[in-house]
Each structure stands twice: as C-alpha cells, then as structure tokens.
PDB file of N, CA and C in Angstrom:
ATOM      1  N   MET A   1     114.489  99.865 126.600  1.00  0.00           N
ATOM      2  CA  MET A   1     114.573  98.728 126.055  1.00  0.00           C
ATOM      3  C   MET A   1     114.482  97.444 127.417  1.00  0.00           C
ATOM      4  N   GLN A   2     114.453  97.834 128.658  1.00  0.00           N
ATOM      5  CA  GLN A   2     114.497  96.740 129.440  1.00  0.00           C
ATOM      6  C   GLN A   2     112.868  96.467 129.430  1.00  0.00           C
ATOM      7  N   TYR A   3     111.999  97.489 129.422  1.00  0.00           N
ATOM      8  CA  TYR A   3     110.565  96.595 129.126  1.00  0.00           C
ATOM      9  C   TYR A   3     110.332  96.235 127.672  1.00  0.00           C
ATOM     10  N   VAL A   4     111.376  95.988 126.670  1.00  0.00           N
ATOM     11  CA  VAL A   4     110.681  95.302 125.877  1.00  0.00           C
ATOM     12  C   VAL A   4     111.623  93.721 125.818  1.00  0.00           C
ATOM     13  N   ILE A   5     112.345  93.956 126.643  1.00  0.00           N
ATOM     14  CA  ILE A   5     112.889  92.551 126.972  1.00  0.00           C
ATOM     15  C   ILE A   5     111.983  91.935 128.090  1.00  0.00           C
ATOM     16  N   LEU A   6     111.638  92.406 128.886  1.00  0.00           N
ATOM     17  CA  LEU A   6     110.331  92.378 129.823  1.00  0.00           C
ATOM     18  C   LEU A   6     109.638  91.242 129.164  1.00  0.00           C
ATOM     19  N   VAL A   7     108.723  92.530 128.381  1.00  0.00           N
ATOM     20  CA  VAL A   7     107.171  91.863 127.403  1.00  0.00           C
ATOM     21  C   VAL A   7     107.621  90.558 126.754  1.00  0.00           C
ATOM     22  N   SER A   8     108.507  90.578 126.016  1.00  0.00           N
ATOM     23  CA  SER A   8     109.288  89.249 125.342  1.00  0.00           C
ATOM     24  C   SER A   8     109.321  88.076 125.901  1.00  0.00           C
ATOM     25  N   VAL A   9     110.223  88.272 127.182  1.00  0.00           N
ATOM     26  CA  VAL A   9     109.518  87.079 128.118  1.00  0.00           C
ATOM     27  C   VAL A   9     108.268  86.268 128.502  1.00  0.00           C
ATOM     28  N   LEU A  10     107.642  87.613 128.930  1.00  0.00           N
ATOM     29  CA  LEU A  10     106.529  87.120 128.967  1.00  0.00           C
ATOM     30  C   LEU A  10     105.557  87.006 127.606  1.00  0.00           C
ATOM     31  N   ILE A  11     105.662  87.179 126.793  1.00  0.00           N
ATOM     32  CA  ILE A  11     104.959  86.834 125.651  1.00  0.00           C
ATOM     33  C   ILE A  11     105.391  85.030 125.705  1.00  0.00           C
ATOM     34  N   LEU A  12     107.087  85.039 125.841  1.00  0.00           N
ATOM     35  CA  LEU A  12     107.631  83.673 125.541  1.00  0.00           C
ATOM     36  C   LEU A  12     106.837  82.344 126.696  1.00  0.00           C
ATOM     37  N   VAL A  13     106.427  83.209 128.161  1.00  0.00           N
ATOM     38  CA  VAL A  13     106.248  82.176 128.886  1.00  0.00           C
ATOM     39  C   VAL A  13     104.953  82.195 128.551  1.00  0.00           C
ATOM     40  N   GLN A  14     104.248  83.027 128.301  1.00  0.00           N
ATOM     41  CA  GLN A  14     102.391  83.073 128.129  1.00  0.00           C
ATOM     42  C   GLN A  14     102.198  81.771 126.911  1.00  0.00           C
ATOM     43  N   TYR A  15     103.241  81.809 126.043  1.00  0.00           N
ATOM     44  CA  TYR A  15     103.179  80.312 124.914  1.00  0.00           C
ATOM     45  C   TYR A  15     103.413  79.690 125.446  1.00  0.00           C
ATOM     46  N   GLN A  16     104.685  79.320 126.433  1.00  0.00           N
ATOM     47  CA  GLN A  16     104.798  78.307 126.872  1.00  0.00           C
ATOM     48  C   GLN A  16     103.996  77.463 127.961  1.00  0.00           C
ATOM     49  N   PHE A  17     103.064  78.300 128.632  1.00  0.00           N
ATOM     50  CA  PHE A  17     101.541  77.926 129.392  1.00  0.00           C
ATOM     51  C   PHE A  17     100.726  77.403 128.414  1.00  0.00           C
ATOM     52  N   PHE A  18     100.625  77.918 127.375  1.00  0.00           N
ATOM     53  CA  PHE A  18      99.267  77.476 126.266  1.00  0.00           C
ATOM     54  C   PHE A  18      99.920  76.183 125.936  1.00  0.00           C
ATOM     55  N   MET A  19     101.332  76.181 125.776  1.00  0.00           N
ATOM     56  CA  MET A  19     101.783  74.703 125.479  1.00  0.00           C
ATOM     57  C   MET A  19     101.457  73.527 126.355  1.00  0.00           C
ATOM     58  N   LEU A  20     102.286  73.630 127.638  1.00  0.00           N
ATOM     59  CA  LEU A  20     101.572  73.254 128.654  1.00  0.00           C
ATOM     60  C   LEU A  20     100.174  72.661 129.110  1.00  0.00           C
ATOM     61  N   ARG A  21      99.036  73.505 128.814  1.00  0.00           N
ATOM     62  CA  ARG A  21      98.032  73.143 128.798  1.00  0.00           C
ATOM     63  C   ARG A  21      97.023  72.793 127.601  1.00  0.00           C
ATOM     64  N   ALA A  22      97.932  72.761 126.451  1.00  0.00           N
ATOM     65  CA  ALA A  22      97.179  72.283 125.466  1.00  0.00           C
ATOM     66  C   ALA A  22      97.950  70.550 125.667  1.00  0.00           C
ATOM     67  N   GLY A  23      98.855  70.273 126.309  1.00  0.00           N
ATOM     68  CA  GLY A  23      99.493  68.810 126.410  1.00  0.00           C
ATOM     69  C   GLY A  23      98.800  68.187 127.658  1.00  0.00           C
ATOM     70  N   SER A  24      98.072  69.121 128.723  1.00  0.00           N
ATOM     71  CA  SER A  24      97.298  68.566 129.682  1.00  0.00           C
ATOM     72  C   SER A  24      96.241  68.344 129.255  1.00  0.00           C
ATOM     73  N   ALA A  25      95.791  69.027 128.179  1.00  0.00           N
ATOM     74  CA  ALA A  25      94.273  68.846 127.800  1.00  0.00           C
ATOM     75  C   ALA A  25      94.134  67.434 126.834  1.00  0.00           C
ATOM     76  N   ARG A  26      95.468  67.127 126.358  1.00  0.00           N
ATOM     77  CA  ARG A  26      95.856  65.566 125.082  1.00  0.00           C
ATOM     78  C   ARG A  26      95.805  64.958 126.143  1.00  0.00           C
ATOM     79  N   GLY A  27      96.283  65.294 127.285  1.00  0.00           N
ATOM     80  CA  GLY A  27      96.187  63.693 128.455  1.00  0.00           C
ATOM     81  C   GLY A  27      94.769  63.299 128.862  1.00  0.00           C
ATOM     82  N   LYS A  28      94.098  64.665 129.777  1.00  0.00           N
ATOM     83  CA  LYS A  28      93.042  64.650 130.181  1.00  0.00           C
ATOM     84  C   LYS A  28      91.834  63.814 129.269  1.00  0.00           C
ATOM     85  N   GLY A  29      92.221  64.280 127.817  1.00  0.00           N
ATOM     86  CA  GLY A  29      91.113  64.177 126.749  1.00  0.00           C
ATOM     87  C   GLY A  29      91.549  62.623 125.876  1.00  0.00           C
ATOM     88  N   ASN A  30      92.789  62.169 126.664  1.00  0.00           N
ATOM     89  CA  ASN A  30      93.174  60.874 125.903  1.00  0.00           C
ATOM     90  C   ASN A  30      93.117  60.712 124.172  1.00  0.00           C
ATOM     91  N   VAL A  31      93.907  61.803 123.765  1.00  0.00           N
ATOM     92  CA  VAL A  31      94.214  61.704 122.386  1.00  0.00           C
ATOM     93  C   VAL A  31      95.324  61.876 122.566  1.00  0.00           C
ATOM     94  N   LYS A  32      95.600  60.707 122.047  1.00  0.00           N
ATOM     95  CA  LYS A  32      97.074  59.700 121.488  1.00  0.00           C
ATOM     96  C   LYS A  32      97.793  60.511 120.341  1.00  0.00           C
ATOM     97  N   ALA A  33      99.253  61.160 120.781  1.00  0.00           N
ATOM     98  CA  ALA A  33      99.912  61.216 119.282  1.00  0.00           C
ATOM     99  C   ALA A  33      99.838  60.358 118.518  1.00  0.00           C
ATOM    100  N   PRO A  34      99.645  60.566 117.231  1.00  0.00           N
ATOM    101  CA  PRO A  34     100.318  62.288 116.837  1.00  0.00           C
ATOM    102  C   PRO A  34      98.593  62.629 116.265  1.00  0.00           C
ATOM    103  N   ALA A  35      97.457  62.107 116.717  1.00  0.00           N
ATOM    104  CA  ALA A  35      95.999  62.775 116.668  1.00  0.00           C
ATOM    105  C   ALA A  35      95.778  64.105 117.153  1.00  0.00           C
ATOM    106  N   ILE A  36      95.175  65.002 116.584  1.00  0.00           N
ATOM    107  CA  ILE A  36      95.045  66.515 116.976  1.00  0.00           C
ATOM    108  C   ILE A  36      93.254  66.612 116.722  1.00  0.00           C
ATOM    109  N   SER A  37      92.726  65.781 117.091  1.00  0.00           N
ATOM    110  CA  SER A  37      90.885  65.933 116.985  1.00  0.00           C
ATOM    111  C   SER A  37      90.648  64.837 118.505  1.00  0.00           C
ATOM    112  N   GLY A  38      89.706  64.643 118.667  1.00  0.00           N
ATOM    113  CA  GLY A  38      89.064  63.660 119.444  1.00  0.00           C
ATOM    114  C   GLY A  38      88.107  63.826 120.374  1.00  0.00           C
ATOM    115  N   ASP A  39      88.366  65.638 121.096  1.00  0.00           N
ATOM    116  CA  ASP A  39      88.422  65.915 122.359  1.00  0.00           C
ATOM    117  C   ASP A  39      88.243  67.255 122.434  1.00  0.00           C
ATOM    118  N   ASP A  40      86.571  68.146 122.237  1.00  0.00           N
ATOM    119  CA  ASP A  40      86.918  69.275 122.574  1.00  0.00           C
ATOM    120  C   ASP A  40      87.247  70.331 123.215  1.00  0.00           C
ATOM    121  N   ASN A  41      87.715  69.889 124.403  1.00  0.00           N
ATOM    122  CA  ASN A  41      88.646  70.840 125.272  1.00  0.00           C
ATOM    123  C   ASN A  41      90.113  70.839 124.627  1.00  0.00           C
ATOM    124  N   PHE A  42      90.768  69.906 124.215  1.00  0.00           N
ATOM    125  CA  PHE A  42      91.981  69.281 123.695  1.00  0.00           C
ATOM    126  C   PHE A  42      91.794  70.372 122.369  1.00  0.00           C
ATOM    127  N   GLU A  43      91.412  70.205 121.631  1.00  0.00           N
ATOM    128  CA  GLU A  43      91.009  70.986 120.004  1.00  0.00           C
ATOM    129  C   GLU A  43      91.638  72.579 120.714  1.00  0.00           C
ATOM    130  N   ARG A  44      90.107  72.815 121.566  1.00  0.00           N
ATOM    131  CA  ARG A  44      90.121  74.254 121.989  1.00  0.00           C
ATOM    132  C   ARG A  44      91.706  74.701 122.214  1.00  0.00           C
ATOM    133  N   ASN A  45      91.628  74.293 123.439  1.00  0.00           N
ATOM    134  CA  ASN A  45      93.277  74.444 123.476  1.00  0.00           C
ATOM    135  C   ASN A  45      94.687  74.538 122.633  1.00  0.00           C
ATOM    136  N   LEU A  46      94.486  73.437 121.537  1.00  0.00           N
ATOM    137  CA  LEU A  46      95.554  73.504 120.729  1.00  0.00           C
ATOM    138  C   LEU A  46      95.240  74.816 119.771  1.00  0.00           C
ATOM    139  N   ARG A  47      93.912  74.757 119.252  1.00  0.00           N
ATOM    140  CA  ARG A  47      94.097  76.109 118.869  1.00  0.00           C
ATOM    141  C   ARG A  47      94.453  77.248 119.277  1.00  0.00           C
ATOM    142  N   VAL A  48      94.100  77.526 121.015  1.00  0.00           N
ATOM    143  CA  VAL A  48      94.848  78.197 121.061  1.00  0.00           C
ATOM    144  C   VAL A  48      96.309  78.422 121.029  1.00  0.00           C
ATOM    145  N   GLN A  49      96.885  77.453 121.152  1.00  0.00           N
ATOM    146  CA  GLN A  49      98.464  77.515 121.055  1.00  0.00           C
ATOM    147  C   GLN A  49      98.624  77.669 119.891  1.00  0.00           C
ATOM    148  N   LEU A  50      98.419  76.999 118.967  1.00  0.00           N
ATOM    149  CA  LEU A  50      98.489  77.272 117.806  1.00  0.00           C
ATOM    150  C   LEU A  50      98.172  78.425 117.106  1.00  0.00           C
ATOM    151  N   ASN A  51      97.290  79.189 117.176  1.00  0.00           N
ATOM    152  CA  ASN A  51      96.839  80.278 116.884  1.00  0.00           C
ATOM    153  C   ASN A  51      97.598  81.191 117.709  1.00  0.00           C
ATOM    154  N   THR A  52      98.420  81.141 118.864  1.00  0.00           N
ATOM    155  CA  THR A  52      99.114  82.154 119.548  1.00  0.00           C
ATOM    156  C   THR A  52     100.933  81.801 118.719  1.00  0.00           C
ATOM    157  N   LEU A  53     101.023  80.715 118.540  1.00  0.00           N
ATOM    158  CA  LEU A  53     102.492  80.597 117.524  1.00  0.00           C
ATOM    159  C   LEU A  53     102.105  81.525 116.507  1.00  0.00           C
ATOM    160  N   GLU A  54     101.561  81.334 115.555  1.00  0.00           N
ATOM    161  CA  GLU A  54     100.597  81.968 114.594  1.00  0.00           C
ATOM    162  C   GLU A  54     101.231  83.582 114.703  1.00  0.00           C
ATOM    163  N   GLN A  55     100.750  83.790 115.767  1.00  0.00           N
ATOM    164  CA  GLN A  55     100.861  85.754 115.946  1.00  0.00           C
ATOM    165  C   GLN A  55     101.886  86.395 116.198  1.00  0.00           C
ATOM    166  N   LEU A  56     102.693  85.220 117.163  1.00  0.00           N
ATOM    167  CA  LEU A  56     104.326  84.610 117.529  1.00  0.00           C
ATOM    168  C   LEU A  56     105.254  85.773 116.798  1.00  0.00           C
ATOM    169  N   ALA A  57     104.937  84.759 114.982  1.00  0.00           N
ATOM    170  CA  ALA A  57     105.692  84.982 114.056  1.00  0.00           C
ATOM    171  C   ALA A  57     105.940  86.580 113.511  1.00  0.00           C
ATOM    172  N   ILE A  58     104.515  87.173 114.204  1.00  0.00           N
ATOM    173  CA  ILE A  58     104.612  89.256 113.732  1.00  0.00           C
ATOM    174  C   ILE A  58     104.930  89.294 114.745  1.00  0.00           C
ATOM    175  N   THR A  59     104.349  89.254 115.709  1.00  0.00           N
ATOM    176  CA  THR A  59     104.703  90.012 117.441  1.00  0.00           C
ATOM    177  C   THR A  59     106.080  90.629 117.892  1.00  0.00           C
ATOM    178  N   LEU A  60     107.130  89.072 117.499  1.00  0.00           N
ATOM    179  CA  LEU A  60     108.467  89.532 118.109  1.00  0.00           C
ATOM    180  C   LEU A  60     109.208  89.986 117.581  1.00  0.00           C
ATOM    181  N   PRO A  61     109.026  90.206 116.487  1.00  0.00           N
ATOM    182  CA  PRO A  61     110.449  90.496 114.999  1.00  0.00           C
ATOM    183  C   PRO A  61     109.731  91.850 115.267  1.00  0.00           C
ATOM    184  N   ALA A  62     108.294  92.366 114.873  1.00  0.00           N
ATOM    185  CA  ALA A  62     107.501  93.559 114.721  1.00  0.00           C
ATOM    186  C   ALA A  62     108.073  94.254 115.744  1.00  0.00           C
ATOM    187  N   MET A  63     107.874  93.859 117.096  1.00  0.00           N
ATOM    188  CA  MET A  63     107.964  94.766 118.716  1.00  0.00           C
ATOM    189  C   MET A  63     109.499  95.203 118.640  1.00  0.00           C
ATOM    190  N   TRP A  64     110.703  94.099 118.456  1.00  0.00           N
ATOM    191  CA  TRP A  64     111.441  94.525 118.401  1.00  0.00           C
ATOM    192  C   TRP A  64     112.108  95.206 117.058  1.00  0.00           C
ATOM    193  N   ILE A  65     112.010  95.375 116.045  1.00  0.00           N
ATOM    194  CA  ILE A  65     112.116  96.364 114.817  1.00  0.00           C
ATOM    195  C   ILE A  65     111.706  97.559 115.398  1.00  0.00           C
ATOM    196  N   CYS A  66     110.488  97.907 115.989  1.00  0.00           N
ATOM    197  CA  CYS A  66     109.960  98.979 116.400  1.00  0.00           C
ATOM    198  C   CYS A  66     110.363  99.636 117.593  1.00  0.00           C
ATOM    199  N   ALA A  67     111.017  98.599 118.555  1.00  0.00           N
ATOM    200  CA  ALA A  67     112.156  99.228 119.639  1.00  0.00           C
ATOM    201  C   ALA A  67     113.054  99.765 119.300  1.00  0.00           C
ATOM    202  N   VAL A  68     114.051  99.026 118.004  1.00  0.00           N
ATOM    203  CA  VAL A  68     115.043  99.540 117.930  1.00  0.00           C
ATOM    204  C   VAL A  68     115.264 100.878 116.917  1.00  0.00           C
ATOM    205  N   TYR A  69     113.960 101.173 115.768  1.00  0.00           N
ATOM    206  CA  TYR A  69     114.024 101.952 114.956  1.00  0.00           C
ATOM    207  C   TYR A  69     113.123 103.193 115.247  1.00  0.00           C
ATOM    208  N   PHE A  70     112.299 102.881 116.294  1.00  0.00           N
ATOM    209  CA  PHE A  70     111.042 103.753 116.386  1.00  0.00           C
ATOM    210  C   PHE A  70     110.915 104.090 117.874  1.00  0.00           C
ATOM    211  N   ARG A  71     110.516 103.480 118.333  1.00  0.00           N
ATOM    212  CA  ARG A  71     110.450 103.817 119.920  1.00  0.00           C
ATOM    213  C   ARG A  71     110.238 102.732 121.262  1.00  0.00           C
ATOM    214  N   THR A  72     111.128 102.586 122.007  1.00  0.00           N
ATOM    215  CA  THR A  72     110.667 101.808 122.709  1.00  0.00           C
ATOM    216  C   THR A  72     109.618 101.714 123.537  1.00  0.00           C
ATOM    217  N   ASP A  73     109.053 102.623 123.949  1.00  0.00           N
ATOM    218  CA  ASP A  73     107.708 102.732 125.180  1.00  0.00           C
ATOM    219  C   ASP A  73     107.054 102.380 124.129  1.00  0.00           C
ATOM    220  N   VAL A  74     106.507 102.719 122.828  1.00  0.00           N
ATOM    221  CA  VAL A  74     105.196 101.762 122.204  1.00  0.00           C
ATOM    222  C   VAL A  74     105.518 100.572 122.068  1.00  0.00           C
ATOM    223  N   ALA A  75     106.948 100.230 121.507  1.00  0.00           N
ATOM    224  CA  ALA A  75     107.063  98.979 121.366  1.00  0.00           C
ATOM    225  C   ALA A  75     106.482  97.765 122.927  1.00  0.00           C
ATOM    226  N   ALA A  76     107.445  98.530 123.970  1.00  0.00           N
ATOM    227  CA  ALA A  76     106.673  97.391 124.592  1.00  0.00           C
ATOM    228  C   ALA A  76     105.188  97.791 125.120  1.00  0.00           C
ATOM    229  N   VAL A  77     104.639  98.987 125.219  1.00  0.00           N
ATOM    230  CA  VAL A  77     103.147  98.429 125.262  1.00  0.00           C
ATOM    231  C   VAL A  77     102.222  98.115 124.245  1.00  0.00           C
ATOM    232  N   LEU A  78     102.310  98.375 122.980  1.00  0.00           N
ATOM    233  CA  LEU A  78     101.687  97.208 121.844  1.00  0.00           C
ATOM    234  C   LEU A  78     102.310  95.728 122.075  1.00  0.00           C
ATOM    235  N   GLY A  79     103.453  95.530 123.194  1.00  0.00           N
ATOM    236  CA  GLY A  79     103.573  93.643 123.054  1.00  0.00           C
ATOM    237  C   GLY A  79     102.592  93.960 124.554  1.00  0.00           C
ATOM    238  N   THR A  80     102.656  94.878 125.411  1.00  0.00           N
ATOM    239  CA  THR A  80     101.498  94.173 126.202  1.00  0.00           C
ATOM    240  C   THR A  80     100.400  94.062 125.886  1.00  0.00           C
ATOM    241  N   LEU A  81      99.634  94.778 125.025  1.00  0.00           N
ATOM    242  CA  LEU A  81      98.308  94.938 124.489  1.00  0.00           C
ATOM    243  C   LEU A  81      98.344  93.271 123.870  1.00  0.00           C
ATOM    244  N   PHE A  82      99.274  92.969 123.029  1.00  0.00           N
ATOM    245  CA  PHE A  82      99.484  91.915 122.458  1.00  0.00           C
ATOM    246  C   PHE A  82      98.757  90.621 123.217  1.00  0.00           C
ATOM    247  N   LEU A  83      99.670  90.565 124.685  1.00  0.00           N
ATOM    248  CA  LEU A  83      99.830  89.464 125.469  1.00  0.00           C
ATOM    249  C   LEU A  83      98.436  89.071 126.439  1.00  0.00           C
ATOM    250  N   ILE A  84      97.789  90.715 126.494  1.00  0.00           N
ATOM    251  CA  ILE A  84      96.366  90.698 126.776  1.00  0.00           C
ATOM    252  C   ILE A  84      95.314  90.530 126.360  1.00  0.00           C
ATOM    253  N   GLY A  85      95.786  90.708 125.102  1.00  0.00           N
ATOM    254  CA  GLY A  85      94.543  90.085 123.686  1.00  0.00           C
ATOM    255  C   GLY A  85      94.780  88.414 124.021  1.00  0.00           C
ATOM    256  N   ARG A  86      95.934  87.868 123.845  1.00  0.00           N
ATOM    257  CA  ARG A  86      96.258  86.050 123.945  1.00  0.00           C
ATOM    258  C   ARG A  86      95.513  85.864 125.130  1.00  0.00           C
ATOM    259  N   PHE A  87      95.513  86.171 126.655  1.00  0.00           N
ATOM    260  CA  PHE A  87      94.646  85.735 127.227  1.00  0.00           C
ATOM    261  C   PHE A  87      93.107  85.906 127.094  1.00  0.00           C
ATOM    262  N   VAL A  88      93.159  87.061 126.673  1.00  0.00           N
ATOM    263  CA  VAL A  88      91.422  87.072 126.431  1.00  0.00           C
ATOM    264  C   VAL A  88      90.560  86.168 125.384  1.00  0.00           C
ATOM    265  N   TYR A  89      91.377  86.171 124.395  1.00  0.00           N
ATOM    266  CA  TYR A  89      91.274  84.997 123.311  1.00  0.00           C
ATOM    267  C   TYR A  89      91.296  84.087 124.050  1.00  0.00           C
ATOM    268  N   SER A  90      91.925  83.683 124.828  1.00  0.00           N
ATOM    269  CA  SER A  90      92.284  82.205 125.137  1.00  0.00           C
ATOM    270  C   SER A  90      91.108  81.687 126.138  1.00  0.00           C
ATOM    271  N   SER A  91      90.878  83.133 126.500  1.00  0.00           N
ATOM    272  CA  SER A  91      90.079  82.355 128.045  1.00  0.00           C
ATOM    273  C   SER A  91      88.642  82.178 127.420  1.00  0.00           C
ATOM    274  N   GLY A  92      88.392  83.209 126.277  1.00  0.00           N
ATOM    275  CA  GLY A  92      87.071  83.233 124.971  1.00  0.00           C
ATOM    276  C   GLY A  92      86.811  82.157 124.694  1.00  0.00           C
ATOM    277  N   TYR A  93      87.951  81.794 123.759  1.00  0.00           N
ATOM    278  CA  TYR A  93      88.129  80.766 123.096  1.00  0.00           C
ATOM    279  C   TYR A  93      87.885  79.249 123.846  1.00  0.00           C
ATOM    280  N   LEU A  94      88.696  79.277 125.159  1.00  0.00           N
ATOM    281  CA  LEU A  94      88.224  77.982 125.594  1.00  0.00           C
ATOM    282  C   LEU A  94      87.066  77.901 126.564  1.00  0.00           C
ATOM    283  N   ASN A  95      86.203  78.860 126.808  1.00  0.00           N
ATOM    284  CA  ASN A  95      84.775  78.853 127.085  1.00  0.00           C
ATOM    285  C   ASN A  95      83.247  78.789 126.012  1.00  0.00           C
ATOM    286  N   ASP A  96      83.954  79.366 125.030  1.00  0.00           N
ATOM    287  CA  ASP A  96      83.134  79.380 123.700  1.00  0.00           C
ATOM    288  C   ASP A  96      83.936  79.752 122.645  1.00  0.00           C
ATOM    289  N   PRO A  97      83.909  79.060 121.309  1.00  0.00           N
ATOM    290  CA  PRO A  97      84.977  79.732 120.193  1.00  0.00           C
ATOM    291  C   PRO A  97      84.496  80.968 120.062  1.00  0.00           C
ATOM    292  N   ALA A  98      83.051  81.091 119.855  1.00  0.00           N
ATOM    293  CA  ALA A  98      82.435  82.185 119.137  1.00  0.00           C
ATOM    294  C   ALA A  98      82.838  83.067 120.479  1.00  0.00           C
ATOM    295  N   LYS A  99      83.446  83.085 121.025  1.00  0.00           N
ATOM    296  CA  LYS A  99      83.706  84.289 122.010  1.00  0.00           C
ATOM    297  C   LYS A  99      85.032  84.877 121.791  1.00  0.00           C
ATOM    298  N   ARG A 100      86.056  84.130 120.722  1.00  0.00           N
ATOM    299  CA  ARG A 100      87.109  84.587 120.671  1.00  0.00           C
ATOM    300  C   ARG A 100      87.657  85.758 120.128  1.00  0.00           C
ATOM    301  N   GLY A 101      86.519  86.592 119.499  1.00  0.00           N
ATOM    302  CA  GLY A 101      86.380  88.056 118.720  1.00  0.00           C
ATOM    303  C   GLY A 101      87.064  88.904 119.762  1.00  0.00           C
ATOM    304  N   PRO A 102      86.876  89.418 120.624  1.00  0.00           N
ATOM    305  CA  PRO A 102      87.429  90.411 121.313  1.00  0.00           C
ATOM    306  C   PRO A 102      89.057  90.380 121.369  1.00  0.00           C
ATOM    307  N   GLY A 103      89.536  89.129 121.985  1.00  0.00           N
ATOM    308  CA  GLY A 103      91.187  89.106 122.287  1.00  0.00           C
ATOM    309  C   GLY A 103      91.527  89.297 120.812  1.00  0.00           C
ATOM    310  N   MET A 104      91.116  88.130 119.688  1.00  0.00           N
ATOM    311  CA  MET A 104      91.878  88.389 118.440  1.00  0.00           C
ATOM    312  C   MET A 104      91.934  89.815 118.270  1.00  0.00           C
ATOM    313  N   ILE A 105      91.080  90.826 118.470  1.00  0.00           N
ATOM    314  CA  ILE A 105      91.009  92.070 118.053  1.00  0.00           C
ATOM    315  C   ILE A 105      92.107  92.998 118.190  1.00  0.00           C
ATOM    316  N   ILE A 106      92.274  92.469 120.002  1.00  0.00           N
ATOM    317  CA  ILE A 106      93.214  92.966 120.627  1.00  0.00           C
ATOM    318  C   ILE A 106      94.314  92.897 119.884  1.00  0.00           C
ATOM    319  N   GLY A 107      94.678  91.583 119.865  1.00  0.00           N
ATOM    320  CA  GLY A 107      96.072  91.096 119.521  1.00  0.00           C
ATOM    321  C   GLY A 107      96.222  91.679 117.987  1.00  0.00           C
ATOM    322  N   PHE A 108      95.102  91.485 117.447  1.00  0.00           N
ATOM    323  CA  PHE A 108      95.736  91.401 116.059  1.00  0.00           C
ATOM    324  C   PHE A 108      95.567  93.198 115.466  1.00  0.00           C
ATOM    325  N   SER A 109      95.330  94.202 116.446  1.00  0.00           N
ATOM    326  CA  SER A 109      95.164  95.557 116.256  1.00  0.00           C
ATOM    327  C   SER A 109      96.406  95.948 116.861  1.00  0.00           C
ATOM    328  N   ALA A 110      97.008  95.252 117.835  1.00  0.00           N
ATOM    329  CA  ALA A 110      98.617  95.651 118.201  1.00  0.00           C
ATOM    330  C   ALA A 110      99.426  95.343 116.910  1.00  0.00           C
ATOM    331  N   ASN A 111      99.084  93.968 116.449  1.00  0.00           N
ATOM    332  CA  ASN A 111     100.127  93.878 115.516  1.00  0.00           C
ATOM    333  C   ASN A 111     100.056  94.982 114.577  1.00  0.00           C
ATOM    334  N   ILE A 112      98.826  95.221 113.979  1.00  0.00           N
ATOM    335  CA  ILE A 112      98.484  95.940 113.039  1.00  0.00           C
ATOM    336  C   ILE A 112      99.643  97.458 113.344  1.00  0.00           C
ATOM    337  N   ALA A 113      99.515  97.782 114.841  1.00  0.00           N
ATOM    338  CA  ALA A 113     100.233  99.177 114.893  1.00  0.00           C
ATOM    339  C   ALA A 113     101.729  99.105 115.193  1.00  0.00           C
ATOM    340  N   LEU A 114     102.469  97.862 115.528  1.00  0.00           N
ATOM    341  CA  LEU A 114     103.690  97.387 115.572  1.00  0.00           C
ATOM    342  C   LEU A 114     104.155  97.685 113.982  1.00  0.00           C
ATOM    343  N   ILE A 115     102.883  96.961 113.080  1.00  0.00           N
ATOM    344  CA  ILE A 115     103.675  96.900 111.902  1.00  0.00           C
ATOM    345  C   ILE A 115     103.627  98.310 111.169  1.00  0.00           C
ATOM    346  N   ILE A 116     102.710  98.994 111.264  1.00  0.00           N
ATOM    347  CA  ILE A 116     102.680 100.737 111.153  1.00  0.00           C
ATOM    348  C   ILE A 116     103.822 101.039 111.409  1.00  0.00           C
ATOM    349  N   CYS A 117     104.161 101.352 113.007  1.00  0.00           N
ATOM    350  CA  CYS A 117     105.342 101.860 113.460  1.00  0.00           C
ATOM    351  C   CYS A 117     106.876 101.540 112.623  1.00  0.00           C
ATOM    352  N   CYS A 118     106.826 100.392 112.720  1.00  0.00           N
ATOM    353  CA  CYS A 118     107.952  99.409 111.405  1.00  0.00           C
ATOM    354  C   CYS A 118     108.117 100.099 109.996  1.00  0.00           C
ATOM    355  N   LEU A 119     106.954 100.383 109.286  1.00  0.00           N
ATOM    356  CA  LEU A 119     107.175 100.836 108.089  1.00  0.00           C
ATOM    357  C   LEU A 119     107.210 102.052 108.240  1.00  0.00           C
ATOM    358  N   TYR A 120     106.747 103.050 109.574  1.00  0.00           N
ATOM    359  CA  TYR A 120     106.940 104.319 109.404  1.00  0.00           C
ATOM    360  C   TYR A 120     109.021 104.732 109.612  1.00  0.00           C
ATOM    361  N   ALA A 121     109.323 103.735 110.617  1.00  0.00           N
ATOM    362  CA  ALA A 121     110.624 103.879 110.578  1.00  0.00           C
ATOM    363  C   ALA A 121     111.636 103.471 109.511  1.00  0.00           C
ATOM    364  N   ALA A 122     110.676 102.596 108.951  1.00  0.00           N
ATOM    365  CA  ALA A 122     111.504 102.624 107.551  1.00  0.00           C
ATOM    366  C   ALA A 122     111.569 103.272 106.464  1.00  0.00           C
ATOM    367  N   VAL A 123     110.500 104.261 106.418  1.00  0.00           N
ATOM    368  CA  VAL A 123     110.448 105.040 105.606  1.00  0.00           C
ATOM    369  C   VAL A 123     110.927 106.320 105.677  1.00  0.00           C
ATOM    370  N   ILE A 124     110.725 106.243 106.777  1.00  0.00           N
ATOM    371  CA  ILE A 124     111.742 108.297 107.407  1.00  0.00           C
ATOM    372  C   ILE A 124     113.431 107.836 107.130  1.00  0.00           C
ATOM    373  N   ARG A 125     113.568 106.795 107.237  1.00  0.00           N
ATOM    374  CA  ARG A 125     115.161 106.680 107.220  1.00  0.00           C
ATOM    375  C   ARG A 125     115.513 106.325 105.796  1.00  0.00           C
ATOM    376  N   LEU A 126     114.427 106.413 105.070  1.00  0.00           N
ATOM    377  CA  LEU A 126     114.838 105.782 103.223  1.00  0.00           C
ATOM    378  C   LEU A 126     114.959 107.715 103.303  1.00  0.00           C
ATOM    379  N   ILE A 127     113.815 108.668 103.297  1.00  0.00           N
ATOM    380  CA  ILE A 127     113.964 109.672 102.643  1.00  0.00           C
ATOM    381  C   ILE A 127     114.663 111.163 103.393  1.00  0.00           C
TER     382      ILE A 127
END
C-alpha cells in the first residue's frame, strides 16, 4: 500500500506544480483574474491544469479502489503510468497543442485499465 500512497502524493504534487505554472503564466502574460484568455502560453498552461483536474476525478478514486479490492501493485503501476502520461501531455501541449495526443493516450489508457480492474473486483465479489 505504501507505493499507492507514494504515487497518490506524487500525482498531487504534480497537480500542484501544474497549478503554480498556470499561475505564473497568468502573471507573465498579464492576464488579470477572472479572465481565462488573452495569452497563448497562459491558456495552454491553464488547459494542462484543468485537464489534469478532470482526469484526477477518475484516477485517484479508481487507483484506491483498485488497490483495496484488486491489487496494490497494479494500482501503483497504473497510477505511475498516469503520472508519466500527464508529464508527456503537458510537455506536448505546451510546445504545440497538436502534440498532446501521446500523453493523453497514456493517461487515458491507465484510467481505463484502473476502471476495468475496479469492475473486475466488484463483479468477482458479487458472484
């Protein structure tokens, strides 16, 4: 379970990093709150942050359900893949939004695998 805890914390640290980077880009681009547009670099950083937040609503609960009811090692590995996918997504998106695909696929695949593991664990307990 320690690895799942570690991966969870790393995912949260990564999200915090994305938040700080978006805030910094807001300042550098002189985008005054509550505006969310006006500077390409800020918009890209904000999109990375918001998309990551959207994914976290799936990743963290699914990873913990997988860890508790299926296998902790599988949960930790899939969580790590998600984490890597987010870095790849971020790097691609910030350089050129058209290059966000590989990172999105990695993270999305990890989430799908986590959901499948959760469903499997639930069905096995029902039969």
